[in-house]
Each structure stands twice: as structure tokens, then as C-alpha cells.
Amino acid sequence: MENKSGGQSWLPKMALGLDIAAAVCFLLGLGCFYTVILFPLSLLLFLATVVLPFGAIIAGICALCLGKKEIGAKGIAMSVAAIVIPVVTIIVLVILFSTGVAYIRWM
């Protein structure tokens, strides 16, 4: 299969885009959360916020498996960033919840 993007794969860009899309979905879900009519949409956006980083990690790993010739140096950096961003986010959240700085309020 011929690559028409000048020899560079689109997979690293997609992996990093999935991380950015997760942040955008969170903000949109937060905005829709307070309106009655858009509440179901906010739940779908929050679900996408949880699922999209897993897709980004998988796409980043797949992009790294392609090799440097296929994705280039920028592609390697984007793939590593797509893997590291969700992992660091989860580690920071676990630390914040365990130390009591952030907590989940049940109403």
C-alpha cells in the first residue's frame, strides 16, 4: 500500500490528536453538564474522555512499531508524547487523590 503523505505515516498525528480530542471532549462535556437538554450528550462526552486516551496509547505504540524510517523523528516524538500524556495524567490523579489534595465528592 502506497503512502501518499511524502513517506511519513499519519499514525503519530492521529495518536496525539486523540489525546487532544480527549481534553476537548472533557471541556465540552463539562459545558453540557449543567443544561438539562444536553445532559445525555455530556455523559457521552465524558465517556469519550475516558476511552480516547486508551486509543491514543494503542495508536502511539503501533506508530513506534513502524520504525524510524516510516514515521521520522517528529513521529517518534509525537508517538512518545501520545503514550506519556495519559500515563502521567493518571499518575498525577492517583497522587492527588491519595494525598487528599483532590477528592471525589458524592452528593
PDB file of N, CA and C in Angstrom:
ATOM      1  N   MET A   1       0.837  -1.169   0.000  1.00  0.00           N
ATOM      2  CA  MET A   1       0.000   0.000   0.000  1.00  0.00           C
ATOM      3  C   MET A   1       0.891   1.245   0.000  1.00  0.00           C
ATOM      4  N   GLU A   2       0.624   2.124  -0.915  1.00  0.00           N
ATOM      5  CA  GLU A   2       1.482   3.291  -1.078  1.00  0.00           C
ATOM      6  C   GLU A   2       1.079   4.411  -0.125  1.00  0.00           C
ATOM      7  N   ASN A   3       2.079   5.022   0.479  1.00  0.00           N
ATOM      8  CA  ASN A   3       1.850   6.145   1.381  1.00  0.00           C
ATOM      9  C   ASN A   3       1.953   7.439   0.581  1.00  0.00           C
ATOM     10  N   LYS A   4       0.871   8.223   0.529  1.00  0.00           N
ATOM     11  CA  LYS A   4       0.839   9.431  -0.294  1.00  0.00           C
ATOM     12  C   LYS A   4       1.150  10.698   0.491  1.00  0.00           C
ATOM     13  N   SER A   5       1.631  10.568   1.708  1.00  0.00           N
ATOM     14  CA  SER A   5       1.906  11.749   2.531  1.00  0.00           C
ATOM     15  C   SER A   5       3.396  12.074   2.583  1.00  0.00           C
ATOM     16  N   GLY A   6       4.107  11.807   1.517  1.00  0.00           N
ATOM     17  CA  GLY A   6       5.523  12.148   1.477  1.00  0.00           C
ATOM     18  C   GLY A   6       6.392  11.200   2.273  1.00  0.00           C
ATOM     19  N   GLY A   7       5.984   9.974   2.452  1.00  0.00           N
ATOM     20  CA  GLY A   7       6.773   8.995   3.170  1.00  0.00           C
ATOM     21  C   GLY A   7       6.546   8.968   4.662  1.00  0.00           C
ATOM     22  N   GLN A   8       5.778   9.896   5.197  1.00  0.00           N
ATOM     23  CA  GLN A   8       5.522   9.936   6.635  1.00  0.00           C
ATOM     24  C   GLN A   8       4.160   9.320   6.932  1.00  0.00           C
ATOM     25  N   SER A   9       4.087   8.584   7.996  1.00  0.00           N
ATOM     26  CA  SER A   9       2.833   7.952   8.397  1.00  0.00           C
ATOM     27  C   SER A   9       1.955   8.948   9.143  1.00  0.00           C
ATOM     28  N   TRP A  10       0.658   8.791   9.038  1.00  0.00           N
ATOM     29  CA  TRP A  10      -0.304   9.659   9.729  1.00  0.00           C
ATOM     30  C   TRP A  10      -0.625   9.143  11.127  1.00  0.00           C
ATOM     31  N   LEU A  11      -0.133   7.987  11.490  1.00  0.00           N
ATOM     32  CA  LEU A  11      -0.470   7.372  12.772  1.00  0.00           C
ATOM     33  C   LEU A  11       0.001   8.178  13.989  1.00  0.00           C
ATOM     34  N   PRO A  12       1.211   8.751  14.018  1.00  0.00           N
ATOM     35  CA  PRO A  12       1.593   9.566  15.187  1.00  0.00           C
ATOM     36  C   PRO A  12       0.726  10.807  15.363  1.00  0.00           C
ATOM     37  N   LYS A  13       0.350  11.440  14.247  1.00  0.00           N
ATOM     38  CA  LYS A  13      -0.519  12.619  14.334  1.00  0.00           C
ATOM     39  C   LYS A  13      -1.886  12.236  14.870  1.00  0.00           C
ATOM     40  N   MET A  14      -2.388  11.080  14.446  1.00  0.00           N
ATOM     41  CA  MET A  14      -3.680  10.627  14.935  1.00  0.00           C
ATOM     42  C   MET A  14      -3.612  10.298  16.429  1.00  0.00           C
ATOM     43  N   ALA A  15      -2.511   9.693  16.862  1.00  0.00           N
ATOM     44  CA  ALA A  15      -2.366   9.342  18.277  1.00  0.00           C
ATOM     45  C   ALA A  15      -2.359  10.591  19.152  1.00  0.00           C
ATOM     46  N   LEU A  16      -1.622  11.597  18.748  1.00  0.00           N
ATOM     47  CA  LEU A  16      -1.590  12.843  19.515  1.00  0.00           C
ATOM     48  C   LEU A  16      -2.923  13.578  19.410  1.00  0.00           C
ATOM     49  N   GLY A  17      -3.572  13.468  18.270  1.00  0.00           N
ATOM     50  CA  GLY A  17      -4.892  14.066  18.099  1.00  0.00           C
ATOM     51  C   GLY A  17      -5.940  13.446  19.005  1.00  0.00           C
ATOM     52  N   LEU A  18      -5.820  12.156  19.278  1.00  0.00           N
ATOM     53  CA  LEU A  18      -6.756  11.502  20.196  1.00  0.00           C
ATOM     54  C   LEU A  18      -6.595  12.030  21.618  1.00  0.00           C
ATOM     55  N   ASP A  19      -5.366  12.330  22.021  1.00  0.00           N
ATOM     56  CA  ASP A  19      -5.153  12.937  23.343  1.00  0.00           C
ATOM     57  C   ASP A  19      -5.772  14.326  23.420  1.00  0.00           C
ATOM     58  N   ILE A  20      -5.584  15.099  22.373  1.00  0.00           N
ATOM     59  CA  ILE A  20      -6.165  16.442  22.346  1.00  0.00           C
ATOM     60  C   ILE A  20      -7.685  16.359  22.309  1.00  0.00           C
ATOM     61  N   ALA A  21      -8.216  15.400  21.552  1.00  0.00           N
ATOM     62  CA  ALA A  21      -9.669  15.227  21.473  1.00  0.00           C
ATOM     63  C   ALA A  21     -10.256  14.845  22.827  1.00  0.00           C
ATOM     64  N   ALA A  22      -9.513  14.090  23.626  1.00  0.00           N
ATOM     65  CA  ALA A  22      -9.999  13.734  24.964  1.00  0.00           C
ATOM     66  C   ALA A  22     -10.132  14.973  25.841  1.00  0.00           C
ATOM     67  N   ALA A  23      -9.171  15.875  25.763  1.00  0.00           N
ATOM     68  CA  ALA A  23      -9.256  17.113  26.548  1.00  0.00           C
ATOM     69  C   ALA A  23     -10.412  17.986  26.073  1.00  0.00           C
ATOM     70  N   VAL A  24     -10.613  18.063  24.768  1.00  0.00           N
ATOM     71  CA  VAL A  24     -11.717  18.855  24.220  1.00  0.00           C
ATOM     72  C   VAL A  24     -13.057  18.242  24.612  1.00  0.00           C
ATOM     73  N   CYS A  25     -13.156  16.909  24.568  1.00  0.00           N
ATOM     74  CA  CYS A  25     -14.401  16.240  24.975  1.00  0.00           C
ATOM     75  C   CYS A  25     -14.708  16.494  26.444  1.00  0.00           C
ATOM     76  N   PHE A  26     -13.679  16.525  27.281  1.00  0.00           N
ATOM     77  CA  PHE A  26     -13.911  16.817  28.693  1.00  0.00           C
ATOM     78  C   PHE A  26     -14.474  18.218  28.879  1.00  0.00           C
ATOM     79  N   LEU A  27     -13.884  19.189  28.203  1.00  0.00           N
ATOM     80  CA  LEU A  27     -14.354  20.566  28.344  1.00  0.00           C
ATOM     81  C   LEU A  27     -15.764  20.741  27.785  1.00  0.00           C
ATOM     82  N   LEU A  28     -16.052  20.113  26.650  1.00  0.00           N
ATOM     83  CA  LEU A  28     -17.404  20.184  26.099  1.00  0.00           C
ATOM     84  C   LEU A  28     -18.411  19.471  26.998  1.00  0.00           C
ATOM     85  N   GLY A  29     -18.011  18.334  27.556  1.00  0.00           N
ATOM     86  CA  GLY A  29     -18.895  17.620  28.475  1.00  0.00           C
ATOM     87  C   GLY A  29     -19.172  18.414  29.729  1.00  0.00           C
ATOM     88  N   LEU A  30     -18.173  19.116  30.206  1.00  0.00           N
ATOM     89  CA  LEU A  30     -18.354  19.969  31.378  1.00  0.00           C
ATOM     90  C   LEU A  30     -19.312  21.116  31.072  1.00  0.00           C
ATOM     91  N   GLY A  31     -19.223  21.646  29.868  1.00  0.00           N
ATOM     92  CA  GLY A  31     -20.130  22.710  29.477  1.00  0.00           C
ATOM     93  C   GLY A  31     -21.563  22.228  29.306  1.00  0.00           C
ATOM     94  N   CYS A  32     -21.734  21.013  28.802  1.00  0.00           N
ATOM     95  CA  CYS A  32     -23.080  20.465  28.586  1.00  0.00           C
ATOM     96  C   CYS A  32     -23.681  19.888  29.861  1.00  0.00           C
ATOM     97  N   PHE A  33     -22.890  19.703  30.885  1.00  0.00           N
ATOM     98  CA  PHE A  33     -23.341  19.020  32.098  1.00  0.00           C
ATOM     99  C   PHE A  33     -24.426  19.795  32.832  1.00  0.00           C
ATOM    100  N   TYR A  34     -24.399  21.103  32.738  1.00  0.00           N
ATOM    101  CA  TYR A  34     -25.297  21.924  33.540  1.00  0.00           C
ATOM    102  C   TYR A  34     -26.599  22.286  32.831  1.00  0.00           C
ATOM    103  N   THR A  35     -26.808  21.789  31.636  1.00  0.00           N
ATOM    104  CA  THR A  35     -28.077  22.020  30.954  1.00  0.00           C
ATOM    105  C   THR A  35     -28.852  20.714  30.901  1.00  0.00           C
ATOM    106  N   VAL A  36     -30.145  20.794  31.145  1.00  0.00           N
ATOM    107  CA  VAL A  36     -30.965  19.582  31.214  1.00  0.00           C
ATOM    108  C   VAL A  36     -31.046  18.900  29.859  1.00  0.00           C
ATOM    109  N   ILE A  37     -31.200  19.663  28.810  1.00  0.00           N
ATOM    110  CA  ILE A  37     -31.402  19.081  27.492  1.00  0.00           C
ATOM    111  C   ILE A  37     -30.124  18.425  26.948  1.00  0.00           C
ATOM    112  N   LEU A  38     -28.961  18.927  27.347  1.00  0.00           N
ATOM    113  CA  LEU A  38     -27.692  18.389  26.847  1.00  0.00           C
ATOM    114  C   LEU A  38     -27.010  17.437  27.825  1.00  0.00           C
ATOM    115  N   PHE A  39     -27.688  17.087  28.900  1.00  0.00           N
ATOM    116  CA  PHE A  39     -27.073  16.206  29.895  1.00  0.00           C
ATOM    117  C   PHE A  39     -26.685  14.838  29.318  1.00  0.00           C
ATOM    118  N   PRO A  40     -27.549  14.165  28.506  1.00  0.00           N
ATOM    119  CA  PRO A  40     -27.110  12.879  27.932  1.00  0.00           C
ATOM    120  C   PRO A  40     -25.890  13.023  27.027  1.00  0.00           C
ATOM    121  N   LEU A  41     -25.809  14.139  26.312  1.00  0.00           N
ATOM    122  CA  LEU A  41     -24.638  14.380  25.473  1.00  0.00           C
ATOM    123  C   LEU A  41     -23.380  14.538  26.321  1.00  0.00           C
ATOM    124  N   SER A  42     -23.521  15.169  27.478  1.00  0.00           N
ATOM    125  CA  SER A  42     -22.359  15.334  28.350  1.00  0.00           C
ATOM    126  C   SER A  42     -21.859  13.987  28.861  1.00  0.00           C
ATOM    127  N   LEU A  43     -22.774  13.060  29.119  1.00  0.00           N
ATOM    128  CA  LEU A  43     -22.344  11.725  29.552  1.00  0.00           C
ATOM    129  C   LEU A  43     -21.572  11.006  28.448  1.00  0.00           C
ATOM    130  N   LEU A  44     -22.023  11.162  27.205  1.00  0.00           N
ATOM    131  CA  LEU A  44     -21.283  10.566  26.087  1.00  0.00           C
ATOM    132  C   LEU A  44     -19.907  11.212  25.917  1.00  0.00           C
ATOM    133  N   LEU A  45     -19.840  12.511  26.114  1.00  0.00           N
ATOM    134  CA  LEU A  45     -18.553  13.191  26.008  1.00  0.00           C
ATOM    135  C   LEU A  45     -17.608  12.782  27.135  1.00  0.00           C
ATOM    136  N   PHE A  46     -18.139  12.592  28.334  1.00  0.00           N
ATOM    137  CA  PHE A  46     -17.298  12.116  29.436  1.00  0.00           C
ATOM    138  C   PHE A  46     -16.819  10.687  29.181  1.00  0.00           C
ATOM    139  N   LEU A  47     -17.663   9.861  28.567  1.00  0.00           N
ATOM    140  CA  LEU A  47     -17.248   8.508  28.199  1.00  0.00           C
ATOM    141  C   LEU A  47     -16.128   8.559  27.161  1.00  0.00           C
ATOM    142  N   ALA A  48     -16.251   9.463  26.199  1.00  0.00           N
ATOM    143  CA  ALA A  48     -15.192   9.629  25.203  1.00  0.00           C
ATOM    144  C   ALA A  48     -13.899  10.114  25.849  1.00  0.00           C
ATOM    145  N   THR A  49     -14.019  10.917  26.906  1.00  0.00           N
ATOM    146  CA  THR A  49     -12.838  11.396  27.623  1.00  0.00           C
ATOM    147  C   THR A  49     -12.071  10.242  28.251  1.00  0.00           C
ATOM    148  N   VAL A  50     -12.780   9.214  28.663  1.00  0.00           N
ATOM    149  CA  VAL A  50     -12.130   8.053  29.275  1.00  0.00           C
ATOM    150  C   VAL A  50     -11.571   7.114  28.207  1.00  0.00           C
ATOM    151  N   VAL A  51     -12.276   6.954  27.095  1.00  0.00           N
ATOM    152  CA  VAL A  51     -11.904   5.956  26.094  1.00  0.00           C
ATOM    153  C   VAL A  51     -10.804   6.459  25.147  1.00  0.00           C
ATOM    154  N   LEU A  52     -10.836   7.717  24.764  1.00  0.00           N
ATOM    155  CA  LEU A  52      -9.891   8.237  23.771  1.00  0.00           C
ATOM    156  C   LEU A  52      -8.416   8.104  24.170  1.00  0.00           C
ATOM    157  N   PRO A  53      -8.022   8.327  25.434  1.00  0.00           N
ATOM    158  CA  PRO A  53      -6.602   8.131  25.762  1.00  0.00           C
ATOM    159  C   PRO A  53      -6.113   6.693  25.579  1.00  0.00           C
ATOM    160  N   PHE A  54      -6.988   5.708  25.777  1.00  0.00           N
ATOM    161  CA  PHE A  54      -6.581   4.325  25.521  1.00  0.00           C
ATOM    162  C   PHE A  54      -6.296   4.119  24.036  1.00  0.00           C
ATOM    163  N   GLY A  55      -7.127   4.718  23.188  1.00  0.00           N
ATOM    164  CA  GLY A  55      -6.868   4.661  21.752  1.00  0.00           C
ATOM    165  C   GLY A  55      -5.584   5.369  21.377  1.00  0.00           C
ATOM    166  N   ALA A  56      -5.291   6.467  22.062  1.00  0.00           N
ATOM    167  CA  ALA A  56      -4.054   7.205  21.799  1.00  0.00           C
ATOM    168  C   ALA A  56      -2.831   6.382  22.187  1.00  0.00           C
ATOM    169  N   ILE A  57      -2.920   5.685  23.310  1.00  0.00           N
ATOM    170  CA  ILE A  57      -1.799   4.842  23.732  1.00  0.00           C
ATOM    171  C   ILE A  57      -1.573   3.717  22.728  1.00  0.00           C
ATOM    172  N   ILE A  58      -2.651   3.081  22.293  1.00  0.00           N
ATOM    173  CA  ILE A  58      -2.528   1.983  21.327  1.00  0.00           C
ATOM    174  C   ILE A  58      -1.986   2.497  19.996  1.00  0.00           C
ATOM    175  N   ALA A  59      -2.496   3.635  19.522  1.00  0.00           N
ATOM    176  CA  ALA A  59      -2.007   4.199  18.259  1.00  0.00           C
ATOM    177  C   ALA A  59      -0.548   4.633  18.380  1.00  0.00           C
ATOM    178  N   GLY A  60      -0.155   5.164  19.539  1.00  0.00           N
ATOM    179  CA  GLY A  60       1.238   5.552  19.744  1.00  0.00           C
ATOM    180  C   GLY A  60       2.177   4.358  19.734  1.00  0.00           C
ATOM    181  N   ILE A  61       1.759   3.272  20.354  1.00  0.00           N
ATOM    182  CA  ILE A  61       2.580   2.055  20.348  1.00  0.00           C
ATOM    183  C   ILE A  61       2.682   1.486  18.938  1.00  0.00           C
ATOM    184  N   CYS A  62       1.568   1.480  18.210  1.00  0.00           N
ATOM    185  CA  CYS A  62       1.589   0.986  16.828  1.00  0.00           C
ATOM    186  C   CYS A  62       2.484   1.854  15.948  1.00  0.00           C
ATOM    187  N   ALA A  63       2.458   3.164  16.173  1.00  0.00           N
ATOM    188  CA  ALA A  63       3.314   4.060  15.386  1.00  0.00           C
ATOM    189  C   ALA A  63       4.789   3.817  15.698  1.00  0.00           C
ATOM    190  N   LEU A  64       5.108   3.558  16.956  1.00  0.00           N
ATOM    191  CA  LEU A  64       6.505   3.272  17.303  1.00  0.00           C
ATOM    192  C   LEU A  64       6.975   1.954  16.702  1.00  0.00           C
ATOM    193  N   CYS A  65       6.053   1.029  16.499  1.00  0.00           N
ATOM    194  CA  CYS A  65       6.414  -0.255  15.894  1.00  0.00           C
ATOM    195  C   CYS A  65       6.728  -0.122  14.402  1.00  0.00           C
ATOM    196  N   LEU A  66       6.298   0.964  13.775  1.00  0.00           N
ATOM    197  CA  LEU A  66       6.564   1.148  12.347  1.00  0.00           C
ATOM    198  C   LEU A  66       8.043   1.381  12.063  1.00  0.00           C
ATOM    199  N   GLY A  67       8.744   1.999  12.976  1.00  0.00           N
ATOM    200  CA  GLY A  67      10.161   2.256  12.774  1.00  0.00           C
ATOM    201  C   GLY A  67      10.428   3.695  12.388  1.00  0.00           C
ATOM    202  N   LYS A  68      11.688   4.101  12.532  1.00  0.00           N
ATOM    203  CA  LYS A  68      12.069   5.495  12.300  1.00  0.00           C
ATOM    204  C   LYS A  68      11.943   5.886  10.831  1.00  0.00           C
ATOM    205  N   LYS A  69      12.155   4.947   9.936  1.00  0.00           N
ATOM    206  CA  LYS A  69      12.090   5.260   8.513  1.00  0.00           C
ATOM    207  C   LYS A  69      10.671   5.635   8.087  1.00  0.00           C
ATOM    208  N   GLU A  70       9.690   4.998   8.672  1.00  0.00           N
ATOM    209  CA  GLU A  70       8.293   5.259   8.306  1.00  0.00           C
ATOM    210  C   GLU A  70       7.735   6.526   8.940  1.00  0.00           C
ATOM    211  N   ILE A  71       8.112   6.817  10.196  1.00  0.00           N
ATOM    212  CA  ILE A  71       7.471   7.936  10.889  1.00  0.00           C
ATOM    213  C   ILE A  71       8.396   9.126  11.104  1.00  0.00           C
ATOM    214  N   GLY A  72       9.686   8.963  11.007  1.00  0.00           N
ATOM    215  CA  GLY A  72      10.623  10.070  11.175  1.00  0.00           C
ATOM    216  C   GLY A  72      10.824  10.445  12.635  1.00  0.00           C
ATOM    217  N   ALA A  73      11.670  11.428  12.858  1.00  0.00           N
ATOM    218  CA  ALA A  73      11.994  11.850  14.226  1.00  0.00           C
ATOM    219  C   ALA A  73      10.810  12.547  14.894  1.00  0.00           C
ATOM    220  N   LYS A  74      10.087  13.374  14.123  1.00  0.00           N
ATOM    221  CA  LYS A  74       8.911  14.049  14.690  1.00  0.00           C
ATOM    222  C   LYS A  74       7.827  13.041  15.045  1.00  0.00           C
ATOM    223  N   GLY A  75       7.688  12.022  14.229  1.00  0.00           N
ATOM    224  CA  GLY A  75       6.697  10.985  14.503  1.00  0.00           C
ATOM    225  C   GLY A  75       7.010  10.213  15.768  1.00  0.00           C
ATOM    226  N   ILE A  76       8.285   9.957  16.013  1.00  0.00           N
ATOM    227  CA  ILE A  76       8.678   9.276  17.249  1.00  0.00           C
ATOM    228  C   ILE A  76       8.346  10.154  18.445  1.00  0.00           C
ATOM    229  N   ALA A  77       8.639  11.454  18.343  1.00  0.00           N
ATOM    230  CA  ALA A  77       8.331  12.368  19.450  1.00  0.00           C
ATOM    231  C   ALA A  77       6.828  12.446  19.698  1.00  0.00           C
ATOM    232  N   MET A  78       6.034  12.509  18.623  1.00  0.00           N
ATOM    233  CA  MET A  78       4.578  12.564  18.792  1.00  0.00           C
ATOM    234  C   MET A  78       4.037  11.273  19.384  1.00  0.00           C
ATOM    235  N   SER A  79       4.588  10.140  18.961  1.00  0.00           N
ATOM    236  CA  SER A  79       4.127   8.855  19.484  1.00  0.00           C
ATOM    237  C   SER A  79       4.452   8.707  20.963  1.00  0.00           C
ATOM    238  N   VAL A  80       5.654   9.103  21.341  1.00  0.00           N
ATOM    239  CA  VAL A  80       6.037   9.027  22.755  1.00  0.00           C
ATOM    240  C   VAL A  80       5.173   9.970  23.585  1.00  0.00           C
ATOM    241  N   ALA A  81       4.901  11.167  23.064  1.00  0.00           N
ATOM    242  CA  ALA A  81       4.037  12.111  23.782  1.00  0.00           C
ATOM    243  C   ALA A  81       2.623  11.562  23.918  1.00  0.00           C
ATOM    244  N   ALA A  82       2.127  10.896  22.877  1.00  0.00           N
ATOM    245  CA  ALA A  82       0.781  10.324  22.935  1.00  0.00           C
ATOM    246  C   ALA A  82       0.688   9.207  23.967  1.00  0.00           C
ATOM    247  N   ILE A  83       1.787   8.534  24.235  1.00  0.00           N
ATOM    248  CA  ILE A  83       1.796   7.478  25.254  1.00  0.00           C
ATOM    249  C   ILE A  83       1.987   8.079  26.639  1.00  0.00           C
ATOM    250  N   VAL A  84       2.865   9.064  26.753  1.00  0.00           N
ATOM    251  CA  VAL A  84       3.238   9.606  28.063  1.00  0.00           C
ATOM    252  C   VAL A  84       2.147  10.481  28.673  1.00  0.00           C
ATOM    253  N   ILE A  85       1.450  11.265  27.873  1.00  0.00           N
ATOM    254  CA  ILE A  85       0.458  12.211  28.412  1.00  0.00           C
ATOM    255  C   ILE A  85      -0.626  11.511  29.236  1.00  0.00           C
ATOM    256  N   PRO A  86      -1.292  10.456  28.738  1.00  0.00           N
ATOM    257  CA  PRO A  86      -2.310   9.806  29.584  1.00  0.00           C
ATOM    258  C   PRO A  86      -1.725   9.122  30.817  1.00  0.00           C
ATOM    259  N   VAL A  87      -0.534   8.540  30.670  1.00  0.00           N
ATOM    260  CA  VAL A  87       0.080   7.844  31.804  1.00  0.00           C
ATOM    261  C   VAL A  87       0.426   8.838  32.913  1.00  0.00           C
ATOM    262  N   VAL A  88       1.015   9.970  32.556  1.00  0.00           N
ATOM    263  CA  VAL A  88       1.359  10.985  33.554  1.00  0.00           C
ATOM    264  C   VAL A  88       0.097  11.559  34.192  1.00  0.00           C
ATOM    265  N   THR A  89      -0.954  11.744  33.403  1.00  0.00           N
ATOM    266  CA  THR A  89      -2.217  12.253  33.939  1.00  0.00           C
ATOM    267  C   THR A  89      -2.784  11.313  34.992  1.00  0.00           C
ATOM    268  N   ILE A  90      -2.764  10.027  34.719  1.00  0.00           N
ATOM    269  CA  ILE A  90      -3.288   9.050  35.682  1.00  0.00           C
ATOM    270  C   ILE A  90      -2.431   9.024  36.940  1.00  0.00           C
ATOM    271  N   ILE A  91      -1.114   9.079  36.787  1.00  0.00           N
ATOM    272  CA  ILE A  91      -0.225   9.075  37.958  1.00  0.00           C
ATOM    273  C   ILE A  91      -0.464  10.310  38.822  1.00  0.00           C
ATOM    274  N   VAL A  92      -0.608  11.472  38.195  1.00  0.00           N
ATOM    275  CA  VAL A  92      -0.859  12.704  38.954  1.00  0.00           C
ATOM    276  C   VAL A  92      -2.197  12.628  39.673  1.00  0.00           C
ATOM    277  N   LEU A  93      -3.233  12.120  39.009  1.00  0.00           N
ATOM    278  CA  LEU A  93      -4.543  11.999  39.659  1.00  0.00           C
ATOM    279  C   LEU A  93      -4.505  11.044  40.844  1.00  0.00           C
ATOM    280  N   VAL A  94      -3.800   9.936  40.703  1.00  0.00           N
ATOM    281  CA  VAL A  94      -3.689   8.990  41.821  1.00  0.00           C
ATOM    282  C   VAL A  94      -2.976   9.638  42.997  1.00  0.00           C
ATOM    283  N   ILE A  95      -1.907  10.381  42.728  1.00  0.00           N
ATOM    284  CA  ILE A  95      -1.188  11.058  43.810  1.00  0.00           C
ATOM    285  C   ILE A  95      -2.071  12.109  44.473  1.00  0.00           C
ATOM    286  N   LEU A  96      -2.795  12.888  43.679  1.00  0.00           N
ATOM    287  CA  LEU A  96      -3.653  13.928  44.252  1.00  0.00           C
ATOM    288  C   LEU A  96      -4.787  13.333  45.081  1.00  0.00           C
ATOM    289  N   PHE A  97      -5.381  12.237  44.612  1.00  0.00           N
ATOM    290  CA  PHE A  97      -6.462  11.617  45.376  1.00  0.00           C
ATOM    291  C   PHE A  97      -5.940  10.945  46.643  1.00  0.00           C
ATOM    292  N   SER A  98      -4.767  10.324  46.578  1.00  0.00           N
ATOM    293  CA  SER A  98      -4.258   9.609  47.747  1.00  0.00           C
ATOM    294  C   SER A  98      -3.765  10.551  48.841  1.00  0.00           C
ATOM    295  N   THR A  99      -3.288  11.732  48.469  1.00  0.00           N
ATOM    296  CA  THR A  99      -2.825  12.679  49.482  1.00  0.00           C
ATOM    297  C   THR A  99      -3.935  13.564  50.014  1.00  0.00           C
ATOM    298  N   GLY A 100      -5.094  13.526  49.414  1.00  0.00           N
ATOM    299  CA  GLY A 100      -6.220  14.315  49.891  1.00  0.00           C
ATOM    300  C   GLY A 100      -6.278  15.714  49.316  1.00  0.00           C
ATOM    301  N   VAL A 101      -5.391  16.047  48.391  1.00  0.00           N
ATOM    302  CA  VAL A 101      -5.435  17.360  47.762  1.00  0.00           C
ATOM    303  C   VAL A 101      -6.697  17.480  46.912  1.00  0.00           C
ATOM    304  N   ALA A 102      -6.996  16.445  46.171  1.00  0.00           N
ATOM    305  CA  ALA A 102      -8.236  16.384  45.391  1.00  0.00           C
ATOM    306  C   ALA A 102      -9.059  15.225  45.936  1.00  0.00           C
ATOM    307  N   TYR A 103     -10.342  15.382  45.944  1.00  0.00           N
ATOM    308  CA  TYR A 103     -11.188  14.303  46.431  1.00  0.00           C
ATOM    309  C   TYR A 103     -12.472  14.264  45.624  1.00  0.00           C
ATOM    310  N   ILE A 104     -13.088  13.106  45.623  1.00  0.00           N
ATOM    311  CA  ILE A 104     -14.344  12.913  44.911  1.00  0.00           C
ATOM    312  C   ILE A 104     -15.471  13.133  45.898  1.00  0.00           C
ATOM    313  N   ARG A 105     -16.353  14.045  45.560  1.00  0.00           N
ATOM    314  CA  ARG A 105     -17.493  14.337  46.422  1.00  0.00           C
ATOM    315  C   ARG A 105     -18.698  13.553  45.923  1.00  0.00           C
ATOM    316  N   TRP A 106     -19.299  12.794  46.782  1.00  0.00           N
ATOM    317  CA  TRP A 106     -20.528  12.075  46.434  1.00  0.00           C
ATOM    318  C   TRP A 106     -21.700  12.865  46.985  1.00  0.00           C
ATOM    319  N   MET A 107     -22.622  13.234  46.139  1.00  0.00           N
ATOM    320  CA  MET A 107     -23.782  14.020  46.585  1.00  0.00           C
ATOM    321  C   MET A 107     -24.953  13.103  46.858  1.00  0.00           C
TER     322      MET A 107
END
